[in-house]
C-alpha atoms as a PDB file:
ATOM      1  CA  UNK A   1     165.191 107.138 -16.250  1.00  0.00           C
ATOM      2  CA  UNK A   2     168.426 109.219 -17.503  1.00  0.00           C
ATOM      3  CA  UNK A   3     171.745 109.014 -15.980  1.00  0.00           C
ATOM      4  CA  UNK A   4     175.216 110.684 -17.285  1.00  0.00           C
ATOM      5  CA  UNK A   5     177.830 107.831 -18.436  1.00  0.00           C
ATOM      6  CA  UNK A   6     180.355 109.115 -15.459  1.00  0.00           C
ATOM      7  CA  UNK A   7     177.388 108.419 -13.056  1.00  0.00           C
ATOM      8  CA  UNK A   8     176.549 105.129 -14.638  1.00  0.00           C
ATOM      9  CA  UNK A   9     180.222 103.857 -14.331  1.00  0.00           C
ATOM     10  CA  UNK A  10     180.327 104.541 -10.567  1.00  0.00           C
ATOM     11  CA  UNK A  11     176.660 103.063 -10.142  1.00  0.00           C
ATOM     12  CA  UNK A  12     176.636 100.364 -12.773  1.00  0.00           C
ATOM     13  CA  UNK A  13     175.611  97.249 -10.453  1.00  0.00           C
ATOM     14  CA  UNK A  14     173.135  99.108  -8.446  1.00  0.00           C
ATOM     15  CA  UNK A  15     171.260 100.392 -11.780  1.00  0.00           C
ATOM     16  CA  UNK A  16     171.305  96.833 -13.185  1.00  0.00           C
ATOM     17  CA  UNK A  17     169.587  95.613 -10.141  1.00  0.00           C
ATOM     18  CA  UNK A  18     167.131  98.180 -10.314  1.00  0.00           C
ATOM     19  CA  UNK A  19     166.461  97.448 -13.962  1.00  0.00           C
ATOM     20  CA  UNK A  20     166.177  93.659 -13.358  1.00  0.00           C
ATOM     21  CA  UNK A  21     163.806  94.298 -10.027  1.00  0.00           C
ATOM     22  CA  UNK A  22     161.616  97.138 -11.164  1.00  0.00           C
ATOM     23  CA  UNK A  23     161.889  96.672 -14.642  1.00  0.00           C
ATOM     24  CA  UNK A  24     162.797 100.197 -15.505  1.00  0.00           C
ATOM     25  CA  UNK A  25     164.965 101.572 -18.316  1.00  0.00           C
ATOM     26  CA  UNK A  26     167.883 103.465 -18.055  1.00  0.00           C
ATOM     27  CA  UNK A  27     169.156 106.380 -20.807  1.00  0.00           C
ATOM     28  CA  UNK A  28     172.942 106.483 -20.503  1.00  0.00           C
ATOM     29  CA  UNK A  29     173.911 110.051 -21.582  1.00  0.00           C
ATOM     30  CA  UNK A  30     177.309 111.345 -22.963  1.00  0.00           C
ATOM     31  CA  UNK A  31     177.651 114.882 -24.168  1.00  0.00           C
ATOM     32  CA  UNK A  32     173.816 116.001 -23.684  1.00  0.00           C
ATOM     33  CA  UNK A  33     172.861 112.727 -26.308  1.00  0.00           C
ATOM     34  CA  UNK A  34     171.644 109.206 -25.177  1.00  0.00           C
ATOM     35  CA  UNK A  35     174.193 106.718 -26.311  1.00  0.00           C
ATOM     36  CA  UNK A  36     173.060 103.861 -24.854  1.00  0.00           C
ATOM     37  CA  UNK A  37     169.840 102.251 -23.208  1.00  0.00           C
ATOM     38  CA  UNK A  38     169.590  99.579 -20.078  1.00  0.00           C
ATOM     39  CA  UNK A  39     166.392  97.910 -20.286  1.00  0.00           C
ATOM     40  CA  UNK A  40     165.038  94.578 -18.855  1.00  0.00           C
ATOM     41  CA  UNK A  41     164.811  91.244 -20.692  1.00  0.00           C
ATOM     42  CA  UNK A  42     161.283  90.421 -21.921  1.00  0.00           C
ATOM     43  CA  UNK A  43     159.824  88.021 -20.136  1.00  0.00           C
ATOM     44  CA  UNK A  44     159.553  85.584 -22.964  1.00  0.00           C
ATOM     45  CA  UNK A  45     163.043  85.433 -23.464  1.00  0.00           C
ATOM     46  CA  UNK A  46     163.880  84.549 -19.840  1.00  0.00           C
ATOM     47  CA  UNK A  47     161.727  81.696 -19.686  1.00  0.00           C
ATOM     48  CA  UNK A  48     162.656  80.558 -23.017  1.00  0.00           C
ATOM     49  CA  UNK A  49     163.020  76.835 -22.268  1.00  0.00           C
ATOM     50  CA  UNK A  50     160.864  76.179 -18.999  1.00  0.00           C
ATOM     51  CA  UNK A  51     158.296  73.900 -21.203  1.00  0.00           C
ATOM     52  CA  UNK A  52     155.203  76.366 -21.411  1.00  0.00           C
ATOM     53  CA  UNK A  53     154.090  77.396 -24.801  1.00  0.00           C
ATOM     54  CA  UNK A  54     155.634  80.650 -26.288  1.00  0.00           C
ATOM     55  CA  UNK A  55     152.301  82.311 -26.470  1.00  0.00           C
ATOM     56  CA  UNK A  56     151.374  81.700 -22.701  1.00  0.00           C
ATOM     57  CA  UNK A  57     154.271  84.508 -21.808  1.00  0.00           C
ATOM     58  CA  UNK A  58     151.928  87.139 -23.395  1.00  0.00           C
ATOM     59  CA  UNK A  59     149.099  86.700 -20.681  1.00  0.00           C
ATOM     60  CA  UNK A  60     148.333  90.112 -19.232  1.00  0.00           C
ATOM     61  CA  UNK A  61     149.977  92.115 -21.715  1.00  0.00           C
ATOM     62  CA  UNK A  62     147.181  92.914 -23.830  1.00  0.00           C
ATOM     63  CA  UNK A  63     144.474  95.557 -24.016  1.00  0.00           C
ATOM     64  CA  UNK A  64     140.970  95.215 -25.311  1.00  0.00           C
ATOM     65  CA  UNK A  65     139.909  97.266 -28.042  1.00  0.00           C
ATOM     66  CA  UNK A  66     136.190  96.920 -27.478  1.00  0.00           C
ATOM     67  CA  UNK A  67     133.826  97.864 -24.861  1.00  0.00           C
ATOM     68  CA  UNK A  68     131.465  95.498 -22.983  1.00  0.00           C
ATOM     69  CA  UNK A  69     128.768  95.475 -25.754  1.00  0.00           C
ATOM     70  CA  UNK A  70     130.997  95.955 -28.858  1.00  0.00           C
ATOM     71  CA  UNK A  71     132.841  93.314 -30.892  1.00  0.00           C
ATOM     72  CA  UNK A  72     136.288  93.506 -32.165  1.00  0.00           C
ATOM     73  CA  UNK A  73     135.182  91.744 -35.153  1.00  0.00           C
ATOM     74  CA  UNK A  74     132.152  91.917 -37.455  1.00  0.00           C
ATOM     75  CA  UNK A  75     129.383  89.552 -37.830  1.00  0.00           C
ATOM     76  CA  UNK A  76     130.421  88.504 -41.237  1.00  0.00           C
ATOM     77  CA  UNK A  77     133.965  87.878 -39.724  1.00  0.00           C
ATOM     78  CA  UNK A  78     132.400  85.844 -37.044  1.00  0.00           C
ATOM     79  CA  UNK A  79     130.511  83.678 -39.429  1.00  0.00           C
ATOM     80  CA  UNK A  80     133.642  83.130 -41.805  1.00  0.00           C
ATOM     81  CA  UNK A  81     135.702  81.851 -38.664  1.00  0.00           C
ATOM     82  CA  UNK A  82     133.168  79.136 -37.504  1.00  0.00           C
END
């Protein structure tokens, strides 16, 4: 979402709430150029000291690179890692 600096000034609280709740990023524009970006804090930074392992915050963020009948590593690599 792009917004002019003058509009951002008058809608700052509402925009911060939208960024926080919807996870959108707001680019702030002055003289036709992006001068600042308001973006949500990464989930790992929010849950920094809640006692869970850091890598658990990555759950659900990845993508499979192999199809159902494919492997992401070769047979030789598999043997090395055993």
